[in-house]
Amino acid sequence: MRNRRGRLVYLVVTSALLAACASPSPSPTQAPNTGSWASACADPVLSPLPEWARTGFNPPDQPVAQIWAERGSIVAVPFGWPLRPQQPAGRQNKVLWIAKEGRGGPMKIAAQLDGAGGEVVYRELPDGPGPSTVDLPTPGCWRLDLSWPGGQDRIYLRYFGPAT
């Protein structure tokens, strides 16, 4: 029951997010391997998810805001866009993580801020890829090294400053 209710909430939020996102792009944005991380922190791409990631979405081929990891083994669907270190009251940094393979068990996140001199912030999602709230301490472009049972990948997420 809890999973169905959570999925319904995510679907409703997705619809609202779709209305607020930029125009669709035909393919996911892949993060570059060189240069400043800030260039890797793209806004979500609005397009249908791949077939392996569509469970719970109705219609399954609807455009969904998404950010892809470098290897393409996991996709982040940010329902709390824009992500912020301190969200206004009533909002959260909600991200649905959809892994191509491997699930269950914890997903470990080692996050590093661009230009922060190597400081790493650790987070853990005890149930692995799936719905989550991922709070990071400061605005900027964050590189997240993700590992979960059956997979690992790297993704770049931008956390914006305070809402005005």
N, C-alpha and C. Protein backbone atom coordinates (compact mmCIF):
# COMPACT_ATOMS: atom_id res chain seq x y z
N MET A 1 0.83 -1.19 0.00
CA MET A 1 0.00 0.00 0.00
C MET A 1 0.87 1.25 0.00
N ARG A 2 1.91 1.26 0.83
CA ARG A 2 2.78 2.42 0.92
C ARG A 2 3.46 2.70 -0.41
N ASN A 3 3.92 1.66 -1.10
CA ASN A 3 4.59 1.85 -2.39
C ASN A 3 3.64 2.42 -3.42
N ARG A 4 2.41 1.95 -3.46
CA ARG A 4 1.43 2.46 -4.43
C ARG A 4 1.12 3.93 -4.16
N ARG A 5 0.94 4.28 -2.91
CA ARG A 5 0.65 5.66 -2.55
C ARG A 5 1.84 6.55 -2.91
N GLY A 6 3.05 6.07 -2.64
CA GLY A 6 4.26 6.82 -2.99
C GLY A 6 4.39 7.01 -4.48
N ARG A 7 4.08 5.97 -5.24
CA ARG A 7 4.15 6.08 -6.70
C ARG A 7 3.12 7.08 -7.21
N LEU A 8 1.94 7.07 -6.63
CA LEU A 8 0.91 8.02 -7.04
C LEU A 8 1.37 9.45 -6.79
N VAL A 9 1.97 9.69 -5.62
CA VAL A 9 2.48 11.02 -5.31
C VAL A 9 3.55 11.41 -6.33
N TYR A 10 4.45 10.48 -6.65
CA TYR A 10 5.50 10.78 -7.62
C TYR A 10 4.92 11.07 -9.00
N LEU A 11 3.87 10.35 -9.38
CA LEU A 11 3.25 10.60 -10.68
C LEU A 11 2.60 11.98 -10.73
N VAL A 12 1.95 12.37 -9.66
CA VAL A 12 1.33 13.69 -9.61
C VAL A 12 2.40 14.77 -9.67
N VAL A 13 3.47 14.59 -8.91
CA VAL A 13 4.55 15.57 -8.90
C VAL A 13 5.23 15.61 -10.27
N THR A 14 5.38 14.45 -10.91
CA THR A 14 5.97 14.41 -12.25
C THR A 14 5.18 15.26 -13.21
N SER A 15 3.86 15.16 -13.16
CA SER A 15 3.03 15.95 -14.06
C SER A 15 3.27 17.44 -13.86
N ALA A 16 3.37 17.86 -12.61
CA ALA A 16 3.63 19.28 -12.32
C ALA A 16 5.02 19.67 -12.78
N LEU A 17 5.99 18.79 -12.57
CA LEU A 17 7.35 19.06 -12.99
C LEU A 17 7.45 19.15 -14.50
N LEU A 18 6.75 18.30 -15.20
CA LEU A 18 6.77 18.33 -16.66
C LEU A 18 6.30 19.67 -17.20
N ALA A 19 5.31 20.23 -16.56
CA ALA A 19 4.79 21.51 -17.02
C ALA A 19 5.80 22.64 -16.80
N ALA A 20 6.68 22.46 -15.81
CA ALA A 20 7.62 23.53 -15.48
C ALA A 20 8.98 23.39 -16.14
N CYS A 21 9.26 22.25 -16.76
CA CYS A 21 10.58 21.99 -17.33
C CYS A 21 10.74 22.59 -18.72
N ALA A 22 11.99 22.65 -19.13
CA ALA A 22 12.31 23.17 -20.46
C ALA A 22 11.83 22.22 -21.55
N SER A 23 12.00 22.63 -22.80
CA SER A 23 11.53 21.84 -23.94
C SER A 23 12.23 20.49 -23.99
N PRO A 24 11.57 19.49 -24.61
CA PRO A 24 12.11 18.14 -24.64
C PRO A 24 13.40 18.05 -25.44
N SER A 25 14.21 17.09 -25.07
CA SER A 25 15.43 16.77 -25.79
C SER A 25 15.34 15.32 -26.22
N PRO A 26 15.84 14.96 -27.40
CA PRO A 26 15.65 13.62 -27.89
C PRO A 26 16.45 12.55 -27.17
N SER A 27 17.52 12.91 -26.48
CA SER A 27 18.32 11.88 -25.81
C SER A 27 18.86 12.43 -24.50
N PRO A 28 19.22 11.52 -23.57
CA PRO A 28 19.74 11.97 -22.29
C PRO A 28 21.07 12.68 -22.46
N THR A 29 21.36 13.59 -21.54
CA THR A 29 22.64 14.28 -21.53
C THR A 29 23.64 13.43 -20.75
N GLN A 30 24.76 13.16 -21.35
CA GLN A 30 25.81 12.42 -20.66
C GLN A 30 26.83 13.41 -20.11
N ALA A 31 27.30 13.17 -18.91
CA ALA A 31 28.27 14.06 -18.29
C ALA A 31 29.63 13.91 -18.95
N PRO A 32 30.31 15.00 -19.22
CA PRO A 32 31.64 14.90 -19.81
C PRO A 32 32.64 14.36 -18.80
N ASN A 33 33.72 13.79 -19.28
CA ASN A 33 34.73 13.21 -18.41
C ASN A 33 35.87 14.17 -18.10
N THR A 34 35.90 15.36 -18.74
CA THR A 34 36.99 16.29 -18.51
C THR A 34 36.44 17.67 -18.24
N GLY A 35 37.32 18.56 -17.78
CA GLY A 35 36.92 19.95 -17.56
C GLY A 35 36.22 20.14 -16.23
N SER A 36 35.68 21.33 -16.05
CA SER A 36 34.98 21.66 -14.81
C SER A 36 33.74 20.80 -14.64
N TRP A 37 33.48 20.42 -13.42
CA TRP A 37 32.28 19.65 -13.16
C TRP A 37 31.03 20.44 -13.49
N ALA A 38 31.14 21.77 -13.33
CA ALA A 38 29.96 22.62 -13.55
C ALA A 38 29.39 22.39 -14.95
N SER A 39 30.24 22.11 -15.93
CA SER A 39 29.73 21.84 -17.28
C SER A 39 28.98 20.52 -17.34
N ALA A 40 29.22 19.65 -16.36
CA ALA A 40 28.53 18.36 -16.32
C ALA A 40 27.17 18.45 -15.64
N CYS A 41 26.92 19.54 -14.94
CA CYS A 41 25.67 19.70 -14.20
C CYS A 41 24.61 20.31 -15.10
N ALA A 42 24.00 19.48 -15.90
CA ALA A 42 22.95 19.93 -16.81
C ALA A 42 21.60 19.88 -16.12
N ASP A 43 20.67 20.69 -16.61
CA ASP A 43 19.29 20.59 -16.16
C ASP A 43 18.73 19.24 -16.61
N PRO A 44 17.68 18.78 -15.97
CA PRO A 44 17.07 17.52 -16.40
C PRO A 44 16.62 17.61 -17.86
N VAL A 45 16.71 16.47 -18.54
CA VAL A 45 16.23 16.32 -19.90
C VAL A 45 14.80 15.80 -19.82
N LEU A 46 13.93 16.34 -20.64
CA LEU A 46 12.54 15.91 -20.64
C LEU A 46 12.31 15.00 -21.84
N SER A 47 12.18 13.69 -21.57
CA SER A 47 11.95 12.71 -22.62
C SER A 47 11.42 11.42 -22.00
N PRO A 48 10.88 10.50 -22.81
CA PRO A 48 10.43 9.23 -22.25
C PRO A 48 11.60 8.46 -21.65
N LEU A 49 11.34 7.77 -20.57
CA LEU A 49 12.35 6.90 -19.97
C LEU A 49 12.54 5.68 -20.85
N PRO A 50 13.70 5.01 -20.74
CA PRO A 50 13.86 3.75 -21.48
C PRO A 50 12.89 2.71 -20.94
N GLU A 51 12.60 1.71 -21.71
CA GLU A 51 11.61 0.71 -21.30
C GLU A 51 11.92 0.09 -19.95
N TRP A 52 13.19 -0.16 -19.64
CA TRP A 52 13.54 -0.80 -18.38
C TRP A 52 13.28 0.09 -17.17
N ALA A 53 13.03 1.39 -17.38
CA ALA A 53 12.85 2.32 -16.26
C ALA A 53 11.42 2.84 -16.12
N ARG A 54 10.48 2.28 -16.86
CA ARG A 54 9.13 2.85 -16.93
C ARG A 54 8.14 2.30 -15.91
N THR A 55 8.50 1.34 -15.11
CA THR A 55 7.58 0.75 -14.15
C THR A 55 6.98 1.83 -13.26
N GLY A 56 5.66 1.86 -13.17
CA GLY A 56 4.96 2.81 -12.31
C GLY A 56 4.58 4.10 -13.00
N PHE A 57 5.06 4.33 -14.22
CA PHE A 57 4.70 5.55 -14.95
C PHE A 57 3.54 5.24 -15.90
N ASN A 58 2.54 6.12 -15.89
CA ASN A 58 1.35 5.89 -16.71
C ASN A 58 0.93 7.21 -17.35
N PRO A 59 0.98 7.33 -18.66
CA PRO A 59 1.38 6.29 -19.61
C PRO A 59 2.89 6.07 -19.54
N PRO A 60 3.33 4.85 -19.84
CA PRO A 60 4.75 4.51 -19.67
C PRO A 60 5.70 5.31 -20.56
N ASP A 61 5.23 5.80 -21.69
CA ASP A 61 6.11 6.53 -22.60
C ASP A 61 5.99 8.05 -22.47
N GLN A 62 5.40 8.52 -21.39
CA GLN A 62 5.28 9.97 -21.19
C GLN A 62 6.66 10.59 -20.98
N PRO A 63 6.85 11.83 -21.38
CA PRO A 63 8.11 12.51 -21.11
C PRO A 63 8.28 12.72 -19.60
N VAL A 64 9.47 12.45 -19.11
CA VAL A 64 9.78 12.57 -17.69
C VAL A 64 11.11 13.32 -17.56
N ALA A 65 11.18 14.26 -16.62
CA ALA A 65 12.44 14.95 -16.34
C ALA A 65 13.42 13.94 -15.77
N GLN A 66 14.64 13.91 -16.32
CA GLN A 66 15.61 12.90 -15.92
C GLN A 66 17.04 13.39 -16.11
N ILE A 67 17.93 12.84 -15.29
CA ILE A 67 19.36 13.10 -15.39
C ILE A 67 20.04 11.75 -15.38
N TRP A 68 20.90 11.53 -16.37
CA TRP A 68 21.55 10.24 -16.54
C TRP A 68 22.94 10.21 -15.93
N ALA A 69 23.30 9.06 -15.39
CA ALA A 69 24.66 8.84 -14.91
C ALA A 69 25.57 8.55 -16.10
N GLU A 70 26.87 8.66 -15.88
CA GLU A 70 27.85 8.52 -16.96
C GLU A 70 27.74 7.22 -17.73
N ARG A 71 27.62 6.10 -17.04
CA ARG A 71 27.59 4.79 -17.70
C ARG A 71 26.19 4.40 -18.18
N GLY A 72 25.19 5.16 -17.78
CA GLY A 72 23.82 4.85 -18.18
C GLY A 72 23.20 3.70 -17.42
N SER A 73 23.78 3.34 -16.27
CA SER A 73 23.23 2.22 -15.50
C SER A 73 22.21 2.67 -14.46
N ILE A 74 22.07 3.98 -14.30
CA ILE A 74 21.08 4.52 -13.36
C ILE A 74 20.65 5.89 -13.87
N VAL A 75 19.39 6.20 -13.63
CA VAL A 75 18.85 7.50 -14.02
C VAL A 75 18.19 8.12 -12.79
N ALA A 76 18.38 9.42 -12.64
CA ALA A 76 17.76 10.16 -11.55
C ALA A 76 16.56 10.92 -12.10
N VAL A 77 15.42 10.76 -11.45
CA VAL A 77 14.21 11.51 -11.81
C VAL A 77 13.98 12.48 -10.64
N PRO A 78 14.37 13.75 -10.83
CA PRO A 78 14.28 14.71 -9.73
C PRO A 78 12.88 15.31 -9.60
N PHE A 79 12.14 14.86 -8.60
CA PHE A 79 10.81 15.38 -8.35
C PHE A 79 10.86 16.66 -7.52
N GLY A 80 11.98 16.94 -6.91
CA GLY A 80 12.12 18.14 -6.10
C GLY A 80 12.89 19.23 -6.81
N TRP A 81 12.84 19.27 -8.13
CA TRP A 81 13.63 20.25 -8.90
C TRP A 81 13.10 21.65 -8.72
N PRO A 82 13.92 22.65 -8.54
CA PRO A 82 15.36 22.51 -8.42
C PRO A 82 15.78 22.03 -7.04
N LEU A 83 16.86 21.25 -7.03
CA LEU A 83 17.42 20.78 -5.77
C LEU A 83 18.09 21.96 -5.07
N ARG A 84 17.96 22.02 -3.75
CA ARG A 84 18.55 23.11 -2.97
C ARG A 84 19.04 22.57 -1.62
N PRO A 85 20.12 23.15 -1.09
CA PRO A 85 20.56 22.75 0.24
C PRO A 85 19.48 22.99 1.30
N GLN A 86 18.74 24.10 1.16
CA GLN A 86 17.64 24.40 2.08
C GLN A 86 16.42 24.72 1.25
N GLN A 87 15.52 23.76 1.17
CA GLN A 87 14.30 23.95 0.40
C GLN A 87 13.31 24.82 1.19
N PRO A 88 12.46 25.57 0.49
CA PRO A 88 11.39 26.29 1.18
C PRO A 88 10.47 25.30 1.90
N ALA A 89 9.72 25.80 2.87
CA ALA A 89 8.79 24.95 3.63
C ALA A 89 7.87 24.20 2.68
N GLY A 90 7.68 22.92 2.95
CA GLY A 90 6.78 22.10 2.15
C GLY A 90 7.43 21.45 0.93
N ARG A 91 8.71 21.69 0.70
CA ARG A 91 9.41 21.09 -0.44
C ARG A 91 10.58 20.25 0.06
N GLN A 92 10.96 19.25 -0.75
CA GLN A 92 12.10 18.39 -0.41
C GLN A 92 12.91 18.11 -1.67
N ASN A 93 14.13 17.64 -1.48
CA ASN A 93 15.00 17.24 -2.58
C ASN A 93 14.72 15.78 -2.94
N LYS A 94 13.55 15.57 -3.52
CA LYS A 94 13.13 14.21 -3.85
C LYS A 94 13.72 13.78 -5.19
N VAL A 95 14.34 12.61 -5.17
CA VAL A 95 14.92 12.02 -6.37
C VAL A 95 14.50 10.56 -6.41
N LEU A 96 13.95 10.14 -7.54
CA LEU A 96 13.67 8.73 -7.77
C LEU A 96 14.85 8.17 -8.55
N TRP A 97 15.55 7.22 -7.97
CA TRP A 97 16.70 6.57 -8.62
C TRP A 97 16.20 5.29 -9.26
N ILE A 98 16.44 5.13 -10.56
CA ILE A 98 16.02 3.93 -11.26
C ILE A 98 17.27 3.26 -11.83
N ALA A 99 17.61 2.09 -11.29
CA ALA A 99 18.79 1.36 -11.73
C ALA A 99 18.41 0.34 -12.80
N LYS A 100 19.26 0.22 -13.80
CA LYS A 100 19.03 -0.74 -14.87
C LYS A 100 19.15 -2.16 -14.34
N GLU A 101 20.14 -2.39 -13.50
CA GLU A 101 20.35 -3.71 -12.91
C GLU A 101 20.72 -3.56 -11.45
N GLY A 102 20.41 -4.57 -10.69
CA GLY A 102 20.75 -4.57 -9.27
C GLY A 102 19.81 -3.68 -8.48
N ARG A 103 19.28 -4.21 -7.44
CA ARG A 103 18.38 -3.45 -6.58
C ARG A 103 18.46 -4.06 -5.19
N GLY A 104 17.77 -3.46 -4.28
CA GLY A 104 17.78 -3.99 -2.92
C GLY A 104 19.11 -3.71 -2.25
N GLY A 105 19.09 -3.66 -0.96
CA GLY A 105 20.31 -3.34 -0.24
C GLY A 105 20.63 -1.87 -0.36
N PRO A 106 21.61 -1.41 0.36
CA PRO A 106 21.88 0.02 0.40
C PRO A 106 22.50 0.56 -0.89
N MET A 107 22.19 1.83 -1.17
CA MET A 107 22.91 2.57 -2.21
C MET A 107 23.75 3.60 -1.48
N LYS A 108 25.05 3.54 -1.69
CA LYS A 108 25.98 4.46 -1.03
C LYS A 108 26.31 5.59 -2.00
N ILE A 109 26.36 6.80 -1.45
CA ILE A 109 26.64 7.99 -2.23
C ILE A 109 27.84 8.68 -1.60
N ALA A 110 28.87 8.91 -2.42
CA ALA A 110 30.01 9.73 -2.02
C ALA A 110 29.93 10.97 -2.90
N ALA A 111 29.59 12.11 -2.32
CA ALA A 111 29.36 13.34 -3.07
C ALA A 111 30.49 14.32 -2.82
N GLN A 112 30.96 14.94 -3.91
CA GLN A 112 32.03 15.92 -3.82
C GLN A 112 31.63 17.16 -4.60
N LEU A 113 31.80 18.32 -3.99
CA LEU A 113 31.44 19.59 -4.60
C LEU A 113 32.57 20.07 -5.49
N ASP A 114 32.23 20.56 -6.68
CA ASP A 114 33.21 21.13 -7.62
C ASP A 114 33.98 22.25 -6.93
N GLY A 115 35.29 22.14 -6.94
CA GLY A 115 36.13 23.18 -6.38
C GLY A 115 36.22 23.18 -4.87
N ALA A 116 35.72 22.17 -4.21
CA ALA A 116 35.69 22.16 -2.74
C ALA A 116 36.95 21.58 -2.12
N GLY A 117 37.95 21.29 -2.92
CA GLY A 117 39.21 20.81 -2.36
C GLY A 117 39.17 19.40 -1.85
N GLY A 118 38.30 18.59 -2.36
CA GLY A 118 38.32 17.18 -2.04
C GLY A 118 37.44 16.71 -0.91
N GLU A 119 36.75 17.64 -0.21
CA GLU A 119 35.87 17.19 0.88
C GLU A 119 34.74 16.34 0.30
N VAL A 120 34.53 15.17 0.89
CA VAL A 120 33.50 14.24 0.43
C VAL A 120 32.41 14.15 1.49
N VAL A 121 31.17 14.20 1.02
CA VAL A 121 30.00 14.05 1.89
C VAL A 121 29.38 12.70 1.57
N TYR A 122 29.06 11.94 2.61
CA TYR A 122 28.52 10.59 2.40
C TYR A 122 27.05 10.54 2.77
N ARG A 123 26.31 9.83 1.95
CA ARG A 123 24.90 9.56 2.21
C ARG A 123 24.66 8.09 1.91
N GLU A 124 23.63 7.52 2.52
CA GLU A 124 23.27 6.14 2.23
C GLU A 124 21.76 6.01 2.16
N LEU A 125 21.29 5.36 1.11
CA LEU A 125 19.88 5.05 0.96
C LEU A 125 19.72 3.58 1.32
N PRO A 126 19.19 3.27 2.51
CA PRO A 126 19.20 1.90 3.01
C PRO A 126 18.48 0.89 2.11
N ASP A 127 17.48 1.34 1.36
CA ASP A 127 16.73 0.42 0.51
C ASP A 127 17.25 0.38 -0.92
N GLY A 128 18.35 1.06 -1.19
CA GLY A 128 18.93 1.05 -2.53
C GLY A 128 18.23 2.02 -3.45
N PRO A 129 18.46 1.88 -4.77
CA PRO A 129 17.79 2.75 -5.73
C PRO A 129 16.28 2.71 -5.55
N GLY A 130 15.66 3.85 -5.71
CA GLY A 130 14.22 4.00 -5.52
C GLY A 130 13.95 5.43 -5.08
N PRO A 131 12.79 5.67 -4.47
CA PRO A 131 12.48 7.02 -4.01
C PRO A 131 13.40 7.43 -2.85
N SER A 132 13.80 8.69 -2.85
CA SER A 132 14.70 9.16 -1.81
C SER A 132 14.59 10.67 -1.65
N THR A 133 15.20 11.14 -0.59
CA THR A 133 15.47 12.56 -0.40
C THR A 133 16.97 12.67 -0.21
N VAL A 134 17.63 13.43 -1.10
CA VAL A 134 19.08 13.56 -1.03
C VAL A 134 19.42 15.02 -0.76
N ASP A 135 19.79 15.30 0.49
CA ASP A 135 20.16 16.65 0.89
C ASP A 135 21.69 16.77 0.90
N LEU A 136 22.20 17.82 0.27
CA LEU A 136 23.63 18.12 0.30
C LEU A 136 23.80 19.52 0.87
N PRO A 137 24.95 19.81 1.50
CA PRO A 137 25.06 20.98 2.36
C PRO A 137 25.17 22.36 1.69
N THR A 138 25.64 22.46 0.46
CA THR A 138 25.85 23.77 -0.14
C THR A 138 25.45 23.78 -1.61
N PRO A 139 25.16 24.96 -2.16
CA PRO A 139 24.86 25.05 -3.59
C PRO A 139 26.10 24.73 -4.43
N GLY A 140 25.87 24.32 -5.65
CA GLY A 140 26.95 24.07 -6.59
C GLY A 140 26.74 22.78 -7.34
N CYS A 141 27.74 22.43 -8.12
CA CYS A 141 27.70 21.19 -8.90
C CYS A 141 28.35 20.08 -8.07
N TRP A 142 27.60 19.03 -7.84
CA TRP A 142 28.05 17.91 -7.03
C TRP A 142 28.27 16.69 -7.92
N ARG A 143 29.40 16.04 -7.73
CA ARG A 143 29.66 14.75 -8.37
C ARG A 143 29.31 13.67 -7.36
N LEU A 144 28.38 12.80 -7.73
CA LEU A 144 27.95 11.73 -6.84
C LEU A 144 28.44 10.41 -7.39
N ASP A 145 29.29 9.74 -6.63
CA ASP A 145 29.70 8.38 -6.96
C ASP A 145 28.74 7.45 -6.24
N LEU A 146 28.01 6.68 -7.03
CA LEU A 146 26.95 5.82 -6.51
C LEU A 146 27.38 4.36 -6.57
N SER A 147 27.04 3.60 -5.54
CA SER A 147 27.25 2.15 -5.58
C SER A 147 26.08 1.49 -4.86
N TRP A 148 25.62 0.39 -5.45
CA TRP A 148 24.50 -0.37 -4.90
C TRP A 148 24.73 -1.82 -5.29
N PRO A 149 24.06 -2.75 -4.64
CA PRO A 149 24.25 -4.15 -5.01
C PRO A 149 23.94 -4.37 -6.49
N GLY A 150 24.94 -4.76 -7.24
CA GLY A 150 24.76 -5.02 -8.67
C GLY A 150 25.11 -3.85 -9.56
N GLY A 151 25.59 -2.73 -9.01
CA GLY A 151 25.92 -1.62 -9.90
C GLY A 151 26.68 -0.50 -9.24
N GLN A 152 27.27 0.31 -10.09
CA GLN A 152 27.91 1.55 -9.66
C GLN A 152 27.96 2.49 -10.85
N ASP A 153 27.95 3.79 -10.57
CA ASP A 153 27.97 4.79 -11.63
C ASP A 153 28.28 6.14 -11.00
N ARG A 154 28.41 7.14 -11.83
CA ARG A 154 28.68 8.51 -11.38
C ARG A 154 27.68 9.44 -12.06
N ILE A 155 27.15 10.39 -11.27
CA ILE A 155 26.19 11.35 -11.80
C ILE A 155 26.53 12.73 -11.24
N TYR A 156 26.15 13.75 -11.97
CA TYR A 156 26.39 15.13 -11.55
C TYR A 156 25.04 15.80 -11.32
N LEU A 157 24.87 16.38 -10.13
CA LEU A 157 23.63 17.07 -9.80
C LEU A 157 23.93 18.49 -9.33
N ARG A 158 23.15 19.43 -9.82
CA ARG A 158 23.30 20.82 -9.39
C ARG A 158 22.32 21.10 -8.24
N TYR A 159 22.86 21.72 -7.19
CA TYR A 159 22.05 22.21 -6.08
C TYR A 159 22.10 23.73 -6.16
N PHE A 160 20.94 24.34 -6.26
CA PHE A 160 20.82 25.78 -6.43
C PHE A 160 20.84 26.48 -5.10
N GLY A 161 21.05 27.79 -5.13
CA GLY A 161 21.03 28.61 -3.93
C GLY A 161 19.60 28.78 -3.43
N PRO A 162 19.42 29.64 -2.42
CA PRO A 162 18.11 29.84 -1.82
C PRO A 162 17.06 30.29 -2.85
N ALA A 163 15.83 29.87 -2.63
CA ALA A 163 14.71 30.31 -3.47
C ALA A 163 14.46 31.79 -3.19
N THR A 164 14.14 32.53 -4.24
CA THR A 164 13.87 33.96 -4.04
C THR A 164 12.43 34.28 -4.33
